[in-house]
Amino acid sequence: MASEALKQRCMRAKGFKYTPEEPLPPMGPIGNELRYGSADSKIAASYGYGLTPERDPEKQKQPVSPNADMPADAFKALTGFSPKERVDPRKASAPNRGCVSEAEQRLSEGAPDMGDPMLAQHLSQESFVRSMDDPRVKKVFRSWSACMKKKGFDYQSPMDPAKTFTSGGPAGNAEKSTATADVSCKQETNVVGIWYAVEKAYQLGSVKKNFEQLEMLRKSNETVLEAASKV
């Protein structure tokens, strides 16, 4: 909320009204809950490959922004762009983004250069891809596939079943039975345990290799948090 408070102060100084936006409620999977596919037997039995209602974005009422009807001149003062202007993503962090930019600069003042701010996410994606190509993971995938076949399902990878059910809406019996068998076979063959251990090793290697850059990111985040606490 520190960023929103700074935007409000900036807009007030420019002669415009701005109401701080409320943070969106947490939705979607928690942390790495679905990183290795469905793994909760109770959720699988009730929702198949879907999310529980309280975390399903499609089942949540999206809050209306208190700034939805902001006049064009106020919008430009806030963002640096006119409402009708198509914002180029490459300009999203440009220094002329009005009060949005001013708030970001205020919070990051004194922070070290982060380099790639998405480095941790990129390394996480990289480790996931590498782990799927690891012989140990491929071996446990084969064991999982054999287990599924005994239960009447023909899939090669634990990532495949969920792709079969992408139409949305409540899970039907076919989806629930597939997801239940999927979770059962994951437990029987220890897919999650082995896959996690393999990927963890890749991630530790990436952290060691990129330690200096990640440490800069950590220090930068700490600086922003400290600045936010003083707003």
Protein backbone atom coordinates (compact mmCIF):
# COMPACT_ATOMS: atom_id res chain seq x y z
CA MET A 1 0.00 0.00 0.00
CA ALA A 2 3.04 2.30 0.31
CA SER A 3 3.15 2.68 -3.47
CA GLU A 4 -0.54 3.59 -3.55
CA ALA A 5 -0.08 6.18 -0.79
CA LEU A 6 2.77 7.78 -2.72
CA LYS A 7 0.68 7.89 -5.90
CA GLN A 8 -2.11 9.59 -3.98
CA ARG A 9 0.26 12.24 -2.59
CA CYS A 10 1.75 12.85 -6.03
CA MET A 11 -1.67 13.18 -7.67
CA ARG A 12 -2.86 15.50 -4.92
CA ALA A 13 0.18 17.72 -5.53
CA LYS A 14 -0.76 17.86 -9.22
CA GLY A 15 -4.31 18.82 -8.35
CA PHE A 16 -6.00 15.49 -9.03
CA LYS A 17 -7.96 13.05 -6.92
CA TYR A 18 -6.70 9.50 -6.62
CA THR A 19 -8.07 6.78 -4.38
CA PRO A 20 -5.53 4.10 -3.38
CA GLU A 21 -6.37 0.76 -4.95
CA GLU A 22 -7.08 -2.13 -2.59
CA PRO A 23 -4.76 -5.14 -3.05
CA LEU A 24 -6.35 -7.99 -4.94
CA PRO A 25 -7.22 -11.06 -2.85
CA PRO A 26 -4.82 -13.99 -3.30
CA MET A 27 -6.08 -16.34 -5.99
CA GLY A 28 -4.72 -19.24 -7.95
CA PRO A 29 -2.30 -21.94 -6.74
CA ILE A 30 -0.37 -21.24 -3.54
CA GLY A 31 3.38 -21.22 -4.06
CA ASN A 32 4.51 -24.42 -5.79
CA GLU A 33 1.27 -26.26 -5.06
CA LEU A 34 0.75 -27.31 -8.70
CA ARG A 35 4.36 -27.14 -9.87
CA TYR A 36 4.42 -30.89 -10.39
CA GLY A 37 0.77 -31.22 -11.31
CA SER A 38 -2.16 -32.23 -9.15
CA ALA A 39 -1.00 -33.82 -5.90
CA ASP A 40 -3.92 -33.47 -3.47
CA SER A 41 -6.29 -36.45 -3.49
CA LYS A 42 -9.18 -34.54 -1.87
CA ILE A 43 -9.03 -31.68 -4.38
CA ALA A 44 -8.69 -34.16 -7.25
CA ALA A 45 -11.79 -36.06 -6.12
CA SER A 46 -13.89 -32.90 -5.82
CA TYR A 47 -12.52 -30.53 -8.48
CA GLY A 48 -10.47 -32.68 -10.83
CA TYR A 49 -7.72 -30.47 -12.22
CA GLY A 50 -9.50 -27.29 -11.19
CA LEU A 51 -8.89 -25.03 -8.23
CA THR A 52 -11.00 -24.83 -5.10
CA PRO A 53 -13.70 -22.12 -5.40
CA GLU A 54 -12.00 -19.67 -3.04
CA ARG A 55 -8.87 -19.60 -5.26
CA ASP A 56 -10.43 -19.92 -8.69
CA PRO A 57 -10.21 -16.51 -10.43
CA GLU A 58 -13.21 -17.37 -12.62
CA LYS A 59 -15.40 -17.81 -9.53
CA GLN A 60 -14.29 -14.64 -7.79
CA LYS A 61 -15.99 -11.28 -8.16
CA GLN A 62 -13.36 -8.84 -9.33
CA PRO A 63 -13.32 -5.60 -7.31
CA VAL A 64 -14.21 -2.42 -9.19
CA SER A 65 -11.42 0.12 -9.29
CA PRO A 66 -12.31 3.39 -7.52
CA ASN A 67 -10.37 5.12 -10.30
CA ALA A 68 -12.20 3.48 -13.20
CA ASP A 69 -13.75 6.74 -14.42
CA MET A 70 -10.64 8.87 -14.03
CA PRO A 71 -10.59 11.91 -16.38
CA ALA A 72 -8.09 11.74 -19.24
CA ASP A 73 -5.82 14.47 -17.85
CA ALA A 74 -5.71 12.76 -14.46
CA PHE A 75 -4.94 9.40 -16.09
CA LYS A 76 -2.05 10.96 -17.99
CA ALA A 77 -0.76 12.57 -14.80
CA LEU A 78 -0.87 9.19 -13.09
CA THR A 79 0.61 6.98 -15.83
CA GLY A 80 2.28 9.27 -18.33
CA PHE A 81 -0.03 7.98 -21.05
CA SER A 82 -3.39 9.05 -22.38
CA PRO A 83 -6.29 6.57 -21.95
CA LYS A 84 -6.51 6.01 -25.72
CA GLU A 85 -2.76 5.55 -26.17
CA ARG A 86 -1.57 2.02 -26.69
CA VAL A 87 1.09 1.43 -24.06
CA ASP A 88 4.17 -0.28 -25.44
CA PRO A 89 5.31 -2.83 -22.82
CA ARG A 90 8.90 -1.72 -23.50
CA LYS A 91 7.94 1.73 -22.21
CA ALA A 92 6.24 0.40 -19.10
CA SER A 93 9.22 1.25 -16.91
CA ALA A 94 10.12 4.50 -18.65
CA PRO A 95 10.93 7.44 -16.34
CA ASN A 96 8.04 9.55 -17.68
CA ARG A 97 5.22 7.46 -16.24
CA GLY A 98 3.84 10.24 -14.13
CA CYS A 99 3.01 9.49 -10.51
CA VAL A 100 3.44 5.75 -11.05
CA SER A 101 7.09 6.32 -11.95
CA GLU A 102 7.56 8.83 -9.16
CA ALA A 103 6.29 6.34 -6.57
CA GLU A 104 8.55 3.58 -7.91
CA GLN A 105 11.59 5.85 -7.89
CA ARG A 106 10.85 6.99 -4.35
CA LEU A 107 10.66 3.42 -3.06
CA SER A 108 13.77 2.24 -4.93
CA GLU A 109 15.93 5.25 -4.05
CA GLY A 110 19.33 4.05 -2.88
CA ALA A 111 18.75 0.47 -4.01
CA PRO A 112 21.57 -1.21 -5.99
CA ASP A 113 21.10 -1.86 -9.69
CA MET A 114 19.03 -5.05 -9.92
CA GLY A 115 20.12 -6.01 -13.43
CA ASP A 116 17.48 -8.50 -14.54
CA PRO A 117 14.62 -8.05 -12.02
CA MET A 118 13.10 -11.35 -13.18
CA LEU A 119 16.28 -13.38 -12.78
CA ALA A 120 14.90 -15.60 -10.00
CA GLN A 121 11.79 -16.39 -12.06
CA HIS A 122 13.89 -17.13 -15.14
CA LEU A 123 16.13 -19.47 -13.16
CA SER A 124 13.05 -21.18 -11.74
CA GLN A 125 11.68 -21.76 -15.23
CA GLU A 126 15.06 -23.02 -16.40
CA SER A 127 15.39 -25.53 -13.55
CA PHE A 128 11.89 -26.86 -14.24
CA VAL A 129 12.67 -27.49 -17.91
CA ARG A 130 16.03 -29.06 -17.10
CA SER A 131 14.51 -31.32 -14.46
CA MET A 132 11.96 -32.71 -16.91
CA ASP A 133 14.81 -33.74 -19.20
CA ASP A 134 16.76 -35.43 -16.39
CA PRO A 135 17.08 -39.25 -16.71
CA ARG A 136 15.93 -39.73 -13.10
CA VAL A 137 12.75 -37.77 -13.69
CA LYS A 138 12.12 -39.48 -17.02
CA LYS A 139 12.47 -42.83 -15.26
CA VAL A 140 9.89 -41.98 -12.59
CA PHE A 141 7.61 -40.61 -15.32
CA ARG A 142 7.73 -44.05 -16.96
CA SER A 143 6.81 -45.66 -13.66
CA TRP A 144 3.94 -43.23 -13.23
CA SER A 145 2.77 -43.88 -16.82
CA ALA A 146 2.79 -47.66 -16.20
CA CYS A 147 0.76 -47.13 -13.04
CA MET A 148 -1.77 -45.01 -14.93
CA LYS A 149 -2.05 -47.61 -17.66
CA LYS A 150 -2.96 -50.25 -15.08
CA LYS A 151 -5.79 -47.94 -14.00
CA GLY A 152 -7.00 -47.56 -17.59
CA PHE A 153 -5.35 -44.26 -18.56
CA ASP A 154 -2.78 -43.76 -21.31
CA TYR A 155 -0.49 -40.81 -20.54
CA GLN A 156 3.27 -40.41 -20.88
CA SER A 157 3.87 -37.52 -18.47
CA PRO A 158 2.17 -36.21 -15.31
CA MET A 159 1.83 -32.89 -17.17
CA ASP A 160 -0.41 -34.46 -19.83
CA PRO A 161 -3.72 -35.34 -18.09
CA ALA A 162 -4.65 -31.78 -17.14
CA LYS A 163 -4.31 -30.72 -20.79
CA THR A 164 -7.18 -33.07 -21.64
CA PHE A 165 -9.60 -31.08 -19.51
CA THR A 166 -9.33 -27.42 -20.49
CA SER A 167 -12.91 -26.49 -21.39
CA GLY A 168 -13.60 -24.85 -18.03
CA GLY A 169 -16.71 -25.30 -15.94
CA PRO A 170 -17.25 -27.80 -13.13
CA ALA A 171 -15.22 -30.99 -13.30
CA GLY A 172 -17.11 -34.01 -14.61
CA ASN A 173 -16.75 -37.60 -13.49
CA ALA A 174 -14.15 -38.37 -16.15
CA GLU A 175 -11.92 -35.52 -15.00
CA LYS A 176 -12.31 -36.39 -11.32
CA SER A 177 -11.51 -40.07 -11.89
CA THR A 178 -8.47 -39.18 -14.03
CA ALA A 179 -7.16 -36.69 -11.48
CA THR A 180 -7.72 -39.14 -8.63
CA ALA A 181 -5.79 -41.87 -10.47
CA ASP A 182 -3.09 -39.35 -11.34
CA VAL A 183 -2.55 -38.36 -7.70
CA SER A 184 -2.65 -41.99 -6.58
CA CYS A 185 0.05 -42.96 -9.09
CA LYS A 186 2.16 -39.96 -8.11
CA GLN A 187 2.05 -41.19 -4.53
CA GLU A 188 2.76 -44.83 -5.45
CA THR A 189 5.80 -43.95 -7.58
CA ASN A 190 7.01 -40.92 -5.54
CA VAL A 191 6.94 -38.63 -8.56
CA VAL A 192 6.82 -35.43 -6.53
CA GLY A 193 9.57 -36.47 -4.13
CA ILE A 194 12.02 -37.49 -6.86
CA TRP A 195 11.16 -34.62 -9.19
CA TYR A 196 11.53 -32.10 -6.37
CA ALA A 197 14.91 -33.47 -5.30
CA VAL A 198 16.24 -33.36 -8.85
CA GLU A 199 15.01 -29.84 -9.52
CA LYS A 200 16.27 -28.63 -6.15
CA ALA A 201 19.78 -29.74 -7.11
CA TYR A 202 19.57 -27.76 -10.36
CA GLN A 203 18.30 -24.73 -8.50
CA LEU A 204 21.09 -24.85 -5.91
CA GLY A 205 23.58 -24.93 -8.76
CA SER A 206 21.92 -21.93 -10.40
CA VAL A 207 21.91 -20.01 -7.12
CA LYS A 208 25.64 -20.65 -6.67
CA LYS A 209 26.38 -19.61 -10.25
CA ASN A 210 24.27 -16.44 -10.04
CA PHE A 211 24.86 -15.64 -6.38
CA GLU A 212 26.16 -12.09 -6.85
CA GLN A 213 23.22 -11.02 -9.02
CA LEU A 214 20.69 -12.68 -6.73
CA GLU A 215 22.30 -11.00 -3.72
CA MET A 216 21.89 -7.63 -5.44
CA LEU A 217 18.22 -8.42 -6.00
CA ARG A 218 17.83 -9.31 -2.34
CA LYS A 219 19.46 -6.08 -1.18
CA SER A 220 17.37 -4.08 -3.62
CA ASN A 221 14.16 -5.66 -2.32
CA GLU A 222 15.22 -4.97 1.26
CA THR A 223 15.79 -1.30 0.38
CA VAL A 224 12.32 -1.04 -1.16
CA LEU A 225 10.68 -2.72 1.84
CA GLU A 226 12.49 -0.42 4.24
CA ALA A 227 11.42 2.64 2.24
CA ALA A 228 7.83 1.36 2.15
CA SER A 229 7.78 0.96 5.91
CA LYS A 230 8.56 4.66 6.30
CA VAL A 231 5.78 5.95 4.02
